[in-house]
Amino acid sequence: MKSNGISRRAFAAGALAGTGLLAACGNGIGSRGGSLIDARVDATLNEMYRSYPNTVQLAQKSNGMLVMPLVTEAGLGFGGAYGRGALRVNDATIDYYSVVKGSGGLQIGAQQYAHVLFFMTEEALSEFRRSPGWAAGADLEYVVSDEGDSVAADTTTALSPVLAAVFARAGLRIGATLEGTKYTRIIP
């Protein structure tokens, strides 16, 4: 018996096709994926080195750097942030990562910023790479201050296993913190 609506078989085929299309949109199929992330990483590193010259030495001394070129954060009561970037070792991309952050409390607005994590010890880099989802904690040392000044690498920062530089495209993000931020390996 024929009905005026669509058949179950047509509905199921359409639903599967739609699911595949949504999955393709979310995982980078059909986009430049890794090459686009790498281009953004290169631009971010150039900007950081130009704006904060002390980071050049840190990059040379580090065992690896996680570069997140653009993190978008928004909130209205509850907030969140998301971005994608690359882990670089010896100036070569090793893996791609996403960053996710959730927050709650009195907040409203949106902002975008970039950040770079410097892994100063081989142990810190290995721990990050082995982790299924690494979370940044309060033990990070920041090498770019809230006032927008570069902080010189001193004995304190030189002994820290992970250092962070957080900066914005149009200047410094005031009060920037990476606490509670989770990094997960992705396939772009």
Protein backbone atom coordinates (compact mmCIF):
# COMPACT_ATOMS: atom_id res chain seq x y z
CA MET A 1 0.00 0.00 0.00
CA LYS A 2 1.42 3.37 -1.03
CA SER A 3 1.16 6.35 1.27
CA ASN A 4 1.47 10.05 0.58
CA GLY A 5 4.52 10.36 2.92
CA ILE A 6 7.96 8.96 2.44
CA SER A 7 8.61 5.26 3.03
CA ARG A 8 10.59 3.95 5.97
CA ARG A 9 13.30 2.78 3.59
CA ALA A 10 13.63 6.27 2.02
CA PHE A 11 13.61 7.85 5.48
CA ALA A 12 16.34 5.48 6.73
CA ALA A 13 18.50 6.10 3.64
CA GLY A 14 18.07 9.85 4.04
CA ALA A 15 18.90 9.72 7.74
CA LEU A 16 22.07 7.70 7.09
CA ALA A 17 23.13 10.11 4.35
CA GLY A 18 22.47 13.07 6.64
CA THR A 19 24.44 11.48 9.47
CA GLY A 20 27.37 10.89 7.12
CA LEU A 21 27.19 14.49 5.91
CA LEU A 22 27.18 15.83 9.48
CA ALA A 23 30.08 13.56 10.42
CA ALA A 24 32.03 14.77 7.40
CA CYS A 25 31.43 18.41 8.37
CA GLY A 26 32.71 17.85 11.88
CA ASN A 27 35.88 15.90 11.10
CA GLY A 28 37.43 18.03 8.39
CA ILE A 29 36.63 15.82 5.39
CA GLY A 30 36.44 18.02 2.36
CA SER A 31 38.52 20.75 3.99
CA ARG A 32 42.23 21.45 4.01
CA GLY A 33 42.34 20.24 7.64
CA GLY A 34 45.97 19.88 8.66
CA SER A 35 47.43 22.30 6.13
CA LEU A 36 45.06 25.06 7.29
CA ILE A 37 45.97 24.44 10.95
CA ASP A 38 49.69 24.43 10.07
CA ALA A 39 49.38 27.76 8.22
CA ARG A 40 47.61 29.30 11.23
CA VAL A 41 50.25 27.87 13.59
CA ASP A 42 53.04 29.42 11.50
CA ALA A 43 51.31 32.83 11.54
CA THR A 44 50.73 32.60 15.31
CA LEU A 45 54.36 31.74 16.03
CA ASN A 46 55.56 34.63 13.86
CA GLU A 47 53.24 37.03 15.71
CA MET A 48 54.33 35.73 19.11
CA TYR A 49 58.05 35.98 18.30
CA ARG A 50 57.58 39.53 16.99
CA SER A 51 55.42 40.72 19.90
CA TYR A 52 57.19 38.84 22.71
CA PRO A 53 60.87 38.37 21.77
CA ASN A 54 61.67 36.39 24.94
CA THR A 55 59.60 33.51 23.55
CA VAL A 56 62.21 32.87 20.82
CA GLN A 57 64.68 31.59 23.44
CA LEU A 58 61.99 29.56 25.15
CA ALA A 59 61.07 27.92 21.85
CA GLN A 60 64.70 27.05 21.19
CA LYS A 61 65.10 25.52 24.68
CA SER A 62 61.77 23.66 24.69
CA ASN A 63 61.33 20.00 23.80
CA GLY A 64 58.09 20.83 22.00
CA MET A 65 55.35 23.43 21.71
CA LEU A 66 51.59 23.13 21.49
CA VAL A 67 50.32 26.07 19.44
CA MET A 68 46.63 27.01 19.53
CA PRO A 69 46.25 29.81 16.96
CA LEU A 70 42.65 30.72 17.67
CA VAL A 71 40.57 29.82 20.70
CA THR A 72 37.06 31.22 20.78
CA GLU A 73 35.52 31.65 24.22
CA ALA A 74 31.96 32.79 24.91
CA GLY A 75 29.67 32.82 27.90
CA LEU A 76 26.33 33.90 29.25
CA GLY A 77 26.13 32.42 32.75
CA PHE A 78 27.78 29.24 31.52
CA GLY A 79 30.64 29.49 29.09
CA GLY A 80 32.92 27.47 26.95
CA ALA A 81 35.87 27.67 24.63
CA TYR A 82 37.10 25.69 21.62
CA GLY A 83 40.05 25.76 19.27
CA ARG A 84 42.37 23.56 17.22
CA GLY A 85 46.14 23.58 16.90
CA ALA A 86 49.30 21.56 16.44
CA LEU A 87 52.07 20.04 18.52
CA ARG A 88 55.45 21.00 17.09
CA VAL A 89 58.73 19.25 17.88
CA ASN A 90 61.89 20.54 16.15
CA ASP A 91 59.73 22.85 13.98
CA ALA A 92 57.72 19.91 12.59
CA THR A 93 54.06 19.12 13.29
CA ILE A 94 53.79 15.84 15.18
CA ASP A 95 50.07 15.76 16.08
CA TYR A 96 46.96 17.93 15.97
CA TYR A 97 44.93 18.80 19.07
CA SER A 98 41.67 20.42 20.05
CA VAL A 99 41.19 22.49 23.18
CA VAL A 100 37.96 22.61 25.17
CA LYS A 101 37.16 24.64 28.26
CA GLY A 102 33.96 24.97 30.26
CA SER A 103 33.15 27.54 32.92
CA GLY A 104 30.28 28.71 35.06
CA GLY A 105 29.50 31.80 37.07
CA LEU A 106 28.88 35.46 36.42
CA GLN A 107 30.04 35.99 32.85
CA ILE A 108 28.87 37.49 29.60
CA GLY A 109 30.58 38.12 26.30
CA ALA A 110 32.96 36.53 23.85
CA GLN A 111 36.64 36.76 23.05
CA GLN A 112 39.29 35.13 20.90
CA TYR A 113 42.91 34.55 21.77
CA ALA A 114 45.92 32.41 20.92
CA HIS A 115 48.14 30.46 23.26
CA VAL A 116 51.30 28.40 23.17
CA LEU A 117 52.45 25.79 25.68
CA PHE A 118 56.20 25.24 25.92
CA PHE A 119 57.17 21.76 27.15
CA MET A 120 60.52 22.43 28.81
CA THR A 121 61.31 18.83 29.77
CA GLU A 122 61.16 15.61 27.78
CA GLU A 123 59.11 14.10 30.62
CA ALA A 124 56.45 16.84 30.38
CA LEU A 125 56.22 16.39 26.60
CA SER A 126 55.98 12.58 26.90
CA GLU A 127 53.29 12.83 29.58
CA PHE A 128 51.28 15.19 27.38
CA ARG A 129 51.55 12.92 24.32
CA ARG A 130 50.65 9.74 26.27
CA SER A 131 47.61 11.30 27.90
CA PRO A 132 44.19 10.61 26.31
CA GLY A 133 43.09 14.08 27.42
CA TRP A 134 45.59 16.39 29.15
CA ALA A 135 44.21 19.13 31.39
CA ALA A 136 46.08 22.35 32.14
CA GLY A 137 46.23 23.15 35.84
CA ALA A 138 47.21 25.91 38.20
CA ASP A 139 50.85 24.80 38.04
CA LEU A 140 51.47 26.46 34.67
CA GLU A 141 53.93 29.34 34.68
CA TYR A 142 53.00 32.20 32.33
CA VAL A 143 55.68 33.94 30.27
CA VAL A 144 53.43 36.78 29.09
CA SER A 145 52.03 38.89 31.92
CA ASP A 146 48.47 40.24 32.22
CA GLU A 147 49.81 43.74 31.54
CA GLY A 148 51.02 42.68 28.10
CA ASP A 149 54.70 42.63 29.03
CA SER A 150 56.96 39.72 28.29
CA VAL A 151 58.23 38.13 31.46
CA ALA A 152 61.92 37.31 31.31
CA ALA A 153 62.77 33.65 31.66
CA ASP A 154 64.29 33.45 35.10
CA THR A 155 65.18 30.63 37.48
CA THR A 156 61.53 30.07 38.41
CA THR A 157 60.26 29.75 34.85
CA ALA A 158 63.37 27.84 33.73
CA LEU A 159 62.57 25.07 36.24
CA SER A 160 58.88 24.77 35.29
CA PRO A 161 58.07 21.76 33.10
CA VAL A 162 55.34 23.61 31.14
CA LEU A 163 55.25 27.32 30.34
CA ALA A 164 52.38 29.21 28.70
CA ALA A 165 52.04 32.34 26.59
CA VAL A 166 48.49 33.63 26.16
CA PHE A 167 47.93 36.56 23.82
CA ALA A 168 45.24 38.02 21.61
CA ARG A 169 45.21 39.04 17.99
CA ALA A 170 44.53 42.64 19.01
CA GLY A 171 46.48 42.63 22.27
CA LEU A 172 46.57 40.76 25.51
CA ARG A 173 43.55 39.02 26.97
CA ILE A 174 43.27 40.51 30.46
CA GLY A 175 43.12 37.89 33.20
CA ALA A 176 43.77 35.03 30.81
CA THR A 177 44.07 31.62 32.42
CA LEU A 178 44.27 28.12 31.03
CA GLU A 179 43.16 26.37 34.21
CA GLY A 180 40.56 23.72 33.48
CA THR A 181 41.45 23.60 29.78
CA LYS A 182 41.53 20.11 28.25
CA TYR A 183 43.59 19.12 25.21
CA THR A 184 42.74 16.08 23.08
CA ARG A 185 44.49 14.63 20.03
CA ILE A 186 42.44 14.93 16.83
CA ILE A 187 42.64 13.96 13.17
CA PRO A 188 41.98 17.13 11.14
